[in-house]
All heavy atoms as atom14 arrays in JSON, in Angstrom:
{
  "sequence": "DNAKNTVYLQMNSLKPEDAALYYCAANNRRNYSGSLYYTSDYDYW",
  "atom14_mask": [
    [1, 1, 1, 1, 1, 1, 1, 1, 0, 0, 0, 0, 0, 0],
    [1, 1, 1, 1, 1, 1, 1, 1, 0, 0, 0, 0, 0, 0],
    [1, 1, 1, 1, 1, 0, 0, 0, 0, 0, 0, 0, 0, 0],
    [1, 1, 1, 1, 1, 1, 1, 1, 1, 0, 0, 0, 0, 0],
    [1, 1, 1, 1, 1, 1, 1, 1, 0, 0, 0, 0, 0, 0],
    [1, 1, 1, 1, 1, 1, 1, 0, 0, 0, 0, 0, 0, 0],
    [1, 1, 1, 1, 1, 1, 1, 0, 0, 0, 0, 0, 0, 0],
    [1, 1, 1, 1, 1, 1, 1, 1, 1, 1, 1, 1, 0, 0],
    [1, 1, 1, 1, 1, 1, 1, 1, 0, 0, 0, 0, 0, 0],
    [1, 1, 1, 1, 1, 1, 1, 1, 1, 0, 0, 0, 0, 0],
    [1, 1, 1, 1, 1, 1, 1, 1, 0, 0, 0, 0, 0, 0],
    [1, 1, 1, 1, 1, 1, 1, 1, 0, 0, 0, 0, 0, 0],
    [1, 1, 1, 1, 1, 1, 0, 0, 0, 0, 0, 0, 0, 0],
    [1, 1, 1, 1, 1, 1, 1, 1, 0, 0, 0, 0, 0, 0],
    [1, 1, 1, 1, 1, 1, 1, 1, 1, 0, 0, 0, 0, 0],
    [1, 1, 1, 1, 1, 1, 1, 0, 0, 0, 0, 0, 0, 0],
    [1, 1, 1, 1, 1, 1, 1, 1, 1, 0, 0, 0, 0, 0],
    [1, 1, 1, 1, 1, 1, 1, 1, 0, 0, 0, 0, 0, 0],
    [1, 1, 1, 1, 1, 0, 0, 0, 0, 0, 0, 0, 0, 0],
    [1, 1, 1, 1, 1, 0, 0, 0, 0, 0, 0, 0, 0, 0],
    [1, 1, 1, 1, 1, 1, 1, 1, 0, 0, 0, 0, 0, 0],
    [1, 1, 1, 1, 1, 1, 1, 1, 1, 1, 1, 1, 0, 0],
    [1, 1, 1, 1, 1, 1, 1, 1, 1, 1, 1, 1, 0, 0],
    [1, 1, 1, 1, 1, 1, 0, 0, 0, 0, 0, 0, 0, 0],
    [1, 1, 1, 1, 1, 0, 0, 0, 0, 0, 0, 0, 0, 0],
    [1, 1, 1, 1, 1, 0, 0, 0, 0, 0, 0, 0, 0, 0],
    [1, 1, 1, 1, 1, 1, 1, 1, 0, 0, 0, 0, 0, 0],
    [1, 1, 1, 1, 1, 1, 1, 1, 0, 0, 0, 0, 0, 0],
    [1, 1, 1, 1, 1, 1, 1, 1, 1, 1, 1, 0, 0, 0],
    [1, 1, 1, 1, 1, 1, 1, 1, 1, 1, 1, 0, 0, 0],
    [1, 1, 1, 1, 1, 1, 1, 1, 0, 0, 0, 0, 0, 0],
    [1, 1, 1, 1, 1, 1, 1, 1, 1, 1, 1, 1, 0, 0],
    [1, 1, 1, 1, 1, 1, 0, 0, 0, 0, 0, 0, 0, 0],
    [1, 1, 1, 1, 0, 0, 0, 0, 0, 0, 0, 0, 0, 0],
    [1, 1, 1, 1, 1, 1, 0, 0, 0, 0, 0, 0, 0, 0],
    [1, 1, 1, 1, 1, 1, 1, 1, 0, 0, 0, 0, 0, 0],
    [1, 1, 1, 1, 1, 1, 1, 1, 1, 1, 1, 1, 0, 0],
    [1, 1, 1, 1, 1, 1, 1, 1, 1, 1, 1, 1, 0, 0],
    [1, 1, 1, 1, 1, 1, 1, 0, 0, 0, 0, 0, 0, 0],
    [1, 1, 1, 1, 1, 1, 0, 0, 0, 0, 0, 0, 0, 0],
    [1, 1, 1, 1, 1, 1, 1, 1, 0, 0, 0, 0, 0, 0],
    [1, 1, 1, 1, 1, 1, 1, 1, 1, 1, 1, 1, 0, 0],
    [1, 1, 1, 1, 1, 1, 1, 1, 0, 0, 0, 0, 0, 0],
    [1, 1, 1, 1, 1, 1, 1, 1, 1, 1, 1, 1, 0, 0],
    [1, 1, 1, 1, 1, 1, 1, 1, 1, 1, 1, 1, 1, 1]
  ],
  "atom14_positions": [
    [[29.76, -31.51, -60.27], [29.34, -30.85, -61.5], [29.3, -31.92, -62.56], [30.36, -32.32, -63.09], [30.31, -29.72, -61.86], [29.86, -28.93, -63.07], [29.06, -29.44, -63.87], [30.33, -27.78, -63.22], [0.0, 0.0, 0.0], [0.0, 0.0, 0.0], [0.0, 0.0, 0.0], [0.0, 0.0, 0.0], [0.0, 0.0, 0.0], [0.0, 0.0, 0.0]],
    [[28.13, -32.42, -62.85], [28.02, -33.53, -63.8], [28.4, -33.12, -65.22], [28.84, -33.95, -66.01], [26.61, -34.11, -63.77], [26.35, -34.89, -62.49], [27.28, -35.32, -61.8], [25.08, -35.05, -62.14], [0.0, 0.0, 0.0], [0.0, 0.0, 0.0], [0.0, 0.0, 0.0], [0.0, 0.0, 0.0], [0.0, 0.0, 0.0], [0.0, 0.0, 0.0]],
    [[28.25, -31.85, -65.54], [28.67, -31.39, -66.87], [30.18, -31.46, -67.04], [30.68, -31.58, -68.16], [28.19, -29.96, -67.09], [0.0, 0.0, 0.0], [0.0, 0.0, 0.0], [0.0, 0.0, 0.0], [0.0, 0.0, 0.0], [0.0, 0.0, 0.0], [0.0, 0.0, 0.0], [0.0, 0.0, 0.0], [0.0, 0.0, 0.0], [0.0, 0.0, 0.0]],
    [[30.9, -31.41, -65.92], [32.36, -31.47, -65.96], [32.88, -32.82, -65.49], [34.1, -33.0, -65.36], [32.95, -30.36, -65.1], [32.65, -28.96, -65.6], [33.31, -27.91, -64.72], [33.03, -26.5, -65.27], [33.66, -25.45, -64.41], [0.0, 0.0, 0.0], [0.0, 0.0, 0.0], [0.0, 0.0, 0.0], [0.0, 0.0, 0.0], [0.0, 0.0, 0.0]],
    [[31.98, -33.75, -65.19], [32.39, -35.07, -64.68], [33.34, -34.94, -63.49], [34.35, -35.65, -63.39], [33.07, -35.89, -65.78], [32.09, -36.58, -66.69], [30.92, -36.21, -66.73], [32.55, -37.56, -67.44], [0.0, 0.0, 0.0], [0.0, 0.0, 0.0], [0.0, 0.0, 0.0], [0.0, 0.0, 0.0], [0.0, 0.0, 0.0], [0.0, 0.0, 0.0]],
    [[33.01, -34.04, -62.59], [33.91, -33.74, -61.49], [33.14, -33.69, -60.17], [32.04, -33.15, -60.1], [34.63, -32.41, -61.72], [35.37, -32.5, -62.95], [35.61, -32.11, -60.59], [0.0, 0.0, 0.0], [0.0, 0.0, 0.0], [0.0, 0.0, 0.0], [0.0, 0.0, 0.0], [0.0, 0.0, 0.0], [0.0, 0.0, 0.0], [0.0, 0.0, 0.0]],
    [[33.77, -34.24, -59.14], [33.26, -34.12, -57.78], [34.29, -33.35, -56.96], [35.49, -33.47, -57.21], [32.95, -35.51, -57.17], [34.21, -36.36, -57.06], [32.27, -35.37, -55.82], [0.0, 0.0, 0.0], [0.0, 0.0, 0.0], [0.0, 0.0, 0.0], [0.0, 0.0, 0.0], [0.0, 0.0, 0.0], [0.0, 0.0, 0.0], [0.0, 0.0, 0.0]],
    [[33.8, -32.57, -56.03], [34.65, -31.7, -55.23], [34.51, -32.01, -53.74], [33.47, -32.5, -53.29], [34.29, -30.23, -55.46], [34.31, -29.81, -56.9], [33.14, -29.76, -57.66], [35.52, -29.46, -57.53], [33.16, -29.37, -58.99], [35.54, -29.07, -58.85], [34.36, -29.03, -59.57], [34.39, -28.66, -60.89], [0.0, 0.0, 0.0], [0.0, 0.0, 0.0]],
    [[35.54, -31.67, -53.01], [35.46, -31.69, -51.55], [36.06, -30.37, -51.05], [37.27, -30.19, -51.11], [36.2, -32.88, -50.97], [36.04, -33.05, -49.46], [34.6, -33.41, -49.1], [37.0, -34.1, -48.91], [0.0, 0.0, 0.0], [0.0, 0.0, 0.0], [0.0, 0.0, 0.0], [0.0, 0.0, 0.0], [0.0, 0.0, 0.0], [0.0, 0.0, 0.0]],
    [[35.19, -29.49, -50.61], [35.65, -28.23, -50.03], [35.91, -28.46, -48.55], [35.01, -28.89, -47.82], [34.58, -27.14, -50.22], [34.94, -25.82, -49.58], [36.11, -25.13, -50.25], [36.21, -25.07, -51.46], [37.04, -24.6, -49.45], [0.0, 0.0, 0.0], [0.0, 0.0, 0.0], [0.0, 0.0, 0.0], [0.0, 0.0, 0.0], [0.0, 0.0, 0.0]],
    [[37.13, -28.19, -48.14], [37.54, -28.45, -46.76], [37.92, -27.13, -46.1], [38.87, -26.48, -46.53], [38.71, -29.42, -46.73], [38.44, -30.72, -47.49], [39.76, -31.94, -47.3], [41.1, -31.09, -48.09], [0.0, 0.0, 0.0], [0.0, 0.0, 0.0], [0.0, 0.0, 0.0], [0.0, 0.0, 0.0], [0.0, 0.0, 0.0], [0.0, 0.0, 0.0]],
    [[37.17, -26.75, -45.1], [37.43, -25.53, -44.35], [37.81, -25.86, -42.92], [37.57, -26.96, -42.44], [36.2, -24.63, -44.37], [35.79, -24.21, -45.76], [36.64, -24.05, -46.65], [34.5, -24.01, -45.98], [0.0, 0.0, 0.0], [0.0, 0.0, 0.0], [0.0, 0.0, 0.0], [0.0, 0.0, 0.0], [0.0, 0.0, 0.0], [0.0, 0.0, 0.0]],
    [[38.37, -24.88, -42.25], [38.76, -25.04, -40.84], [39.55, -26.33, -40.62], [39.26, -27.1, -39.7], [37.5, -25.03, -39.95], [36.77, -23.85, -40.13], [0.0, 0.0, 0.0], [0.0, 0.0, 0.0], [0.0, 0.0, 0.0], [0.0, 0.0, 0.0], [0.0, 0.0, 0.0], [0.0, 0.0, 0.0], [0.0, 0.0, 0.0], [0.0, 0.0, 0.0]],
    [[40.53, -26.53, -41.45], [41.29, -27.78, -41.4], [42.05, -27.91, -40.1], [42.57, -26.93, -39.54], [42.23, -27.86, -42.59], [41.52, -28.27, -43.89], [42.36, -27.88, -45.11], [41.24, -29.77, -43.89], [0.0, 0.0, 0.0], [0.0, 0.0, 0.0], [0.0, 0.0, 0.0], [0.0, 0.0, 0.0], [0.0, 0.0, 0.0], [0.0, 0.0, 0.0]],
    [[42.12, -29.15, -39.64], [42.81, -29.49, -38.41], [43.96, -30.45, -38.72], [43.92, -31.16, -39.72], [41.85, -30.17, -37.44], [40.6, -29.37, -37.15], [39.64, -30.17, -36.27], [38.37, -29.38, -35.97], [37.43, -30.16, -35.11], [0.0, 0.0, 0.0], [0.0, 0.0, 0.0], [0.0, 0.0, 0.0], [0.0, 0.0, 0.0], [0.0, 0.0, 0.0]],
    [[44.96, -30.52, -37.85], [46.06, -31.47, -38.1], [45.55, -32.9, -38.28], [46.13, -33.66, -39.08], [46.91, -31.33, -36.84], [46.68, -29.92, -36.39], [45.23, -29.65, -36.7], [0.0, 0.0, 0.0], [0.0, 0.0, 0.0], [0.0, 0.0, 0.0], [0.0, 0.0, 0.0], [0.0, 0.0, 0.0], [0.0, 0.0, 0.0], [0.0, 0.0, 0.0]],
    [[44.48, -33.26, -37.61], [43.97, -34.63, -37.73], [43.27, -34.89, -39.06], [42.89, -36.03, -39.35], [43.01, -34.96, -36.57], [41.9, -33.97, -36.36], [42.23, -32.95, -35.28], [43.4, -32.47, -35.23], [41.32, -32.62, -34.5], [0.0, 0.0, 0.0], [0.0, 0.0, 0.0], [0.0, 0.0, 0.0], [0.0, 0.0, 0.0], [0.0, 0.0, 0.0]],
    [[43.08, -33.87, -39.88], [42.54, -34.05, -41.23], [43.62, -34.47, -42.23], [43.3, -34.83, -43.37], [41.88, -32.77, -41.73], [40.65, -32.38, -40.94], [39.85, -33.27, -40.59], [40.5, -31.17, -40.65], [0.0, 0.0, 0.0], [0.0, 0.0, 0.0], [0.0, 0.0, 0.0], [0.0, 0.0, 0.0], [0.0, 0.0, 0.0], [0.0, 0.0, 0.0]],
    [[44.87, -34.39, -41.83], [45.96, -34.73, -42.73], [45.89, -36.21, -43.13], [45.76, -37.08, -42.27], [47.29, -34.43, -42.08], [0.0, 0.0, 0.0], [0.0, 0.0, 0.0], [0.0, 0.0, 0.0], [0.0, 0.0, 0.0], [0.0, 0.0, 0.0], [0.0, 0.0, 0.0], [0.0, 0.0, 0.0], [0.0, 0.0, 0.0], [0.0, 0.0, 0.0]],
    [[45.94, -36.47, -44.41], [45.82, -37.84, -44.91], [45.96, -37.83, -46.42], [45.98, -36.77, -47.05], [44.48, -38.44, -44.51], [0.0, 0.0, 0.0], [0.0, 0.0, 0.0], [0.0, 0.0, 0.0], [0.0, 0.0, 0.0], [0.0, 0.0, 0.0], [0.0, 0.0, 0.0], [0.0, 0.0, 0.0], [0.0, 0.0, 0.0], [0.0, 0.0, 0.0]],
    [[46.0, -39.01, -46.98], [45.87, -39.18, -48.41], [44.38, -39.31, -48.7], [43.71, -40.18, -48.15], [46.62, -40.42, -48.87], [46.76, -40.66, -50.36], [47.53, -39.52, -51.03], [47.44, -41.99, -50.62], [0.0, 0.0, 0.0], [0.0, 0.0, 0.0], [0.0, 0.0, 0.0], [0.0, 0.0, 0.0], [0.0, 0.0, 0.0], [0.0, 0.0, 0.0]],
    [[43.86, -38.42, -49.53], [42.44, -38.38, -49.83], [42.17, -39.03, -51.18], [42.82, -38.69, -52.18], [41.93, -36.94, -49.84], [41.71, -36.39, -48.46], [42.77, -36.07, -47.63], [40.42, -36.18, -47.98], [42.56, -35.57, -46.35], [40.2, -35.67, -46.7], [41.28, -35.38, -45.9], [41.08, -34.88, -44.63], [0.0, 0.0, 0.0], [0.0, 0.0, 0.0]],
    [[41.21, -39.94, -51.18], [40.84, -40.67, -52.38], [39.38, -40.37, -52.76], [38.53, -40.25, -51.87], [40.93, -42.17, -52.15], [42.29, -42.72, -51.83], [42.73, -42.83, -50.52], [43.13, -43.17, -52.85], [43.97, -43.34, -50.23], [44.38, -43.7, -52.57], [44.79, -43.78, -51.26], [46.02, -44.3, -50.98], [0.0, 0.0, 0.0], [0.0, 0.0, 0.0]],
    [[39.12, -40.28, -54.04], [37.72, -40.3, -54.45], [37.39, -41.69, -54.98], [38.28, -42.44, -55.41], [37.4, -39.23, -55.47], [38.05, -39.5, -57.11], [0.0, 0.0, 0.0], [0.0, 0.0, 0.0], [0.0, 0.0, 0.0], [0.0, 0.0, 0.0], [0.0, 0.0, 0.0], [0.0, 0.0, 0.0], [0.0, 0.0, 0.0], [0.0, 0.0, 0.0]],
    [[36.12, -42.03, -54.91], [35.66, -43.35, -55.3], [34.29, -43.25, -55.94], [33.53, -42.33, -55.65], [35.6, -44.26, -54.07], [0.0, 0.0, 0.0], [0.0, 0.0, 0.0], [0.0, 0.0, 0.0], [0.0, 0.0, 0.0], [0.0, 0.0, 0.0], [0.0, 0.0, 0.0], [0.0, 0.0, 0.0], [0.0, 0.0, 0.0], [0.0, 0.0, 0.0]],
    [[34.0, -44.2, -56.8], [32.73, -44.21, -57.52], [31.99, -45.53, -57.31], [32.6, -46.6, -57.37], [32.96, -43.99, -59.02], [0.0, 0.0, 0.0], [0.0, 0.0, 0.0], [0.0, 0.0, 0.0], [0.0, 0.0, 0.0], [0.0, 0.0, 0.0], [0.0, 0.0, 0.0], [0.0, 0.0, 0.0], [0.0, 0.0, 0.0], [0.0, 0.0, 0.0]],
    [[30.7, -45.41, -57.06], [29.79, -46.56, -56.97], [28.87, -46.49, -58.18], [28.12, -45.53, -58.33], [29.01, -46.47, -55.67], [27.89, -47.5, -55.57], [27.13, -47.7, -56.5], [27.78, -48.14, -54.41], [0.0, 0.0, 0.0], [0.0, 0.0, 0.0], [0.0, 0.0, 0.0], [0.0, 0.0, 0.0], [0.0, 0.0, 0.0], [0.0, 0.0, 0.0]],
    [[28.97, -47.5, -59.05], [28.15, -47.47, -60.27], [27.12, -48.59, -60.28], [26.71, -49.04, -61.35], [29.05, -47.53, -61.51], [29.62, -48.92, -61.73], [29.75, -49.69, -60.78], [29.97, -49.25, -62.96], [0.0, 0.0, 0.0], [0.0, 0.0, 0.0], [0.0, 0.0, 0.0], [0.0, 0.0, 0.0], [0.0, 0.0, 0.0], [0.0, 0.0, 0.0]],
    [[26.65, -48.99, -59.11], [25.7, -50.1, -59.01], [24.28, -49.56, -59.2], [23.83, -48.69, -58.47], [25.86, -50.79, -57.66], [27.27, -51.28, -57.44], [27.59, -51.72, -56.05], [29.03, -51.74, -55.84], [29.62, -52.11, -54.71], [28.88, -52.49, -53.67], [30.93, -52.08, -54.62], [0.0, 0.0, 0.0], [0.0, 0.0, 0.0], [0.0, 0.0, 0.0]],
    [[23.58, -50.14, -60.15], [22.23, -49.67, -60.5], [21.3, -49.78, -59.32], [21.27, -50.79, -58.62], [21.7, -50.48, -61.68], [20.36, -50.04, -62.19], [19.88, -50.97, -63.29], [20.7, -50.84, -64.49], [20.44, -49.97, -65.46], [19.4, -49.17, -65.36], [21.21, -49.94, -66.52], [0.0, 0.0, 0.0], [0.0, 0.0, 0.0], [0.0, 0.0, 0.0]],
    [[20.55, -48.74, -59.09], [19.51, -48.71, -58.03], [20.08, -49.06, -56.66], [19.43, -49.71, -55.84], [18.36, -49.66, -58.38], [17.67, -49.27, -59.65], [17.46, -48.09, -59.94], [17.29, -50.26, -60.46], [0.0, 0.0, 0.0], [0.0, 0.0, 0.0], [0.0, 0.0, 0.0], [0.0, 0.0, 0.0], [0.0, 0.0, 0.0], [0.0, 0.0, 0.0]],
    [[21.3, -48.63, -56.41], [21.98, -48.97, -55.15], [21.38, -48.21, -53.99], [21.16, -47.01, -54.06], [23.46, -48.66, -55.27], [24.26, -49.07, -54.07], [24.62, -50.4, -53.88], [24.66, -48.15, -53.11], [25.36, -50.79, -52.79], [25.41, -48.52, -52.01], [25.76, -49.86, -51.85], [26.49, -50.25, -50.77], [0.0, 0.0, 0.0], [0.0, 0.0, 0.0]],
    [[21.12, -48.94, -52.9], [20.56, -48.29, -51.7], [21.24, -48.81, -50.44], [20.69, -48.67, -49.34], [19.05, -48.54, -51.62], [18.8, -49.93, -51.54], [0.0, 0.0, 0.0], [0.0, 0.0, 0.0], [0.0, 0.0, 0.0], [0.0, 0.0, 0.0], [0.0, 0.0, 0.0], [0.0, 0.0, 0.0], [0.0, 0.0, 0.0], [0.0, 0.0, 0.0]],
    [[22.41, -49.36, -50.59], [23.12, -49.9, -49.44], [24.05, -48.9, -48.79], [23.94, -47.69, -48.99], [0.0, 0.0, 0.0], [0.0, 0.0, 0.0], [0.0, 0.0, 0.0], [0.0, 0.0, 0.0], [0.0, 0.0, 0.0], [0.0, 0.0, 0.0], [0.0, 0.0, 0.0], [0.0, 0.0, 0.0], [0.0, 0.0, 0.0], [0.0, 0.0, 0.0]],
    [[24.97, -49.43, -48.02], [25.93, -48.6, -47.31], [26.85, -47.85, -48.27], [27.11, -48.3, -49.38], [26.78, -49.49, -46.41], [27.93, -48.81, -45.94], [0.0, 0.0, 0.0], [0.0, 0.0, 0.0], [0.0, 0.0, 0.0], [0.0, 0.0, 0.0], [0.0, 0.0, 0.0], [0.0, 0.0, 0.0], [0.0, 0.0, 0.0], [0.0, 0.0, 0.0]],
    [[27.33, -46.72, -47.8], [28.32, -45.95, -48.56], [29.55, -45.66, -47.72], [30.36, -44.83, -48.1], [27.7, -44.64, -49.03], [26.61, -44.77, -50.08], [25.92, -43.44, -50.31], [27.17, -45.3, -51.4], [0.0, 0.0, 0.0], [0.0, 0.0, 0.0], [0.0, 0.0, 0.0], [0.0, 0.0, 0.0], [0.0, 0.0, 0.0], [0.0, 0.0, 0.0]],
    [[29.68, -46.33, -46.59], [30.7, -45.98, -45.62], [31.94, -46.85, -45.65], [32.9, -46.6, -44.9], [30.1, -46.03, -44.21], [28.91, -45.12, -44.03], [27.65, -45.61, -43.72], [29.05, -43.74, -44.2], [26.56, -44.77, -43.56], [27.96, -42.9, -44.04], [26.71, -43.42, -43.72], [25.64, -42.59, -43.57], [0.0, 0.0, 0.0], [0.0, 0.0, 0.0]],
    [[31.94, -47.86, -46.51], [33.06, -48.8, -46.55], [33.68, -48.83, -47.94], [33.01, -48.61, -48.95], [32.57, -50.2, -46.17], [31.92, -50.24, -44.81], [30.53, -50.2, -44.67], [32.69, -50.26, -43.65], [29.94, -50.2, -43.42], [32.11, -50.26, -42.4], [30.73, -50.23, -42.3], [30.14, -50.22, -41.06], [0.0, 0.0, 0.0], [0.0, 0.0, 0.0]],
    [[34.96, -49.15, -47.98], [35.65, -49.19, -49.27], [35.01, -50.2, -50.2], [35.0, -50.01, -51.42], [37.13, -49.5, -49.08], [37.27, -50.74, -48.38], [37.83, -48.39, -48.28], [0.0, 0.0, 0.0], [0.0, 0.0, 0.0], [0.0, 0.0, 0.0], [0.0, 0.0, 0.0], [0.0, 0.0, 0.0], [0.0, 0.0, 0.0], [0.0, 0.0, 0.0]],
    [[34.46, -51.27, -49.66], [33.84, -52.3, -50.49], [32.52, -51.84, -51.13], [31.98, -52.54, -51.98], [33.58, -53.56, -49.66], [32.76, -53.26, -48.55], [0.0, 0.0, 0.0], [0.0, 0.0, 0.0], [0.0, 0.0, 0.0], [0.0, 0.0, 0.0], [0.0, 0.0, 0.0], [0.0, 0.0, 0.0], [0.0, 0.0, 0.0], [0.0, 0.0, 0.0]],
    [[32.04, -50.68, -50.74], [30.81, -50.14, -51.33], [31.08, -49.42, -52.65], [30.14, -48.93, -53.28], [30.15, -49.16, -50.35], [29.74, -49.84, -49.05], [29.38, -51.03, -49.09], [29.79, -49.17, -48.0], [0.0, 0.0, 0.0], [0.0, 0.0, 0.0], [0.0, 0.0, 0.0], [0.0, 0.0, 0.0], [0.0, 0.0, 0.0], [0.0, 0.0, 0.0]],
    [[32.34, -49.33, -53.03], [32.72, -48.58, -54.23], [33.45, -49.46, -55.22], [34.08, -50.45, -54.84], [33.58, -47.37, -53.84], [32.81, -46.39, -52.99], [32.67, -46.59, -51.62], [32.17, -45.29, -53.56], [31.93, -45.71, -50.85], [31.44, -44.41, -52.78], [31.32, -44.63, -51.43], [30.58, -43.77, -50.66], [0.0, 0.0, 0.0], [0.0, 0.0, 0.0]],
    [[33.34, -49.09, -56.48], [33.86, -49.92, -57.55], [35.12, -49.37, -58.21], [35.89, -50.15, -58.79], [32.77, -50.07, -58.63], [31.47, -50.58, -58.04], [31.46, -51.73, -57.56], [30.48, -49.81, -58.03], [0.0, 0.0, 0.0], [0.0, 0.0, 0.0], [0.0, 0.0, 0.0], [0.0, 0.0, 0.0], [0.0, 0.0, 0.0], [0.0, 0.0, 0.0]],
    [[35.31, -48.08, -58.17], [36.47, -47.46, -58.82], [37.11, -46.47, -57.85], [36.4, -45.8, -57.08], [36.05, -46.74, -60.11], [35.4, -47.64, -61.11], [34.02, -47.67, -61.27], [36.19, -48.48, -61.91], [33.43, -48.5, -62.19], [35.59, -49.33, -62.83], [34.21, -49.34, -62.96], [33.63, -50.17, -63.87], [0.0, 0.0, 0.0], [0.0, 0.0, 0.0]],
    [[38.43, -46.35, -57.98], [39.2, -45.51, -57.07], [40.22, -44.68, -57.84], [40.78, -45.14, -58.84], [39.93, -46.38, -56.04], [38.99, -47.03, -55.09], [38.29, -48.19, -55.28], [38.6, -46.54, -53.81], [37.49, -48.45, -54.2], [37.66, -47.46, -53.28], [38.94, -45.42, -53.06], [37.07, -47.29, -52.02], [38.36, -45.25, -51.81], [37.44, -46.18, -51.31]]
  ]
}
């Protein structure tokens, strides 16, 4: 919700293997079209 500056993760049907510390991250690189799967792809945590 960009009006609230908030991102959500709705998690259903949770399994024991989903247990973890969950982090959100932001990529603010202009016109970015690279990978999004690695921690190095993000700038803020």
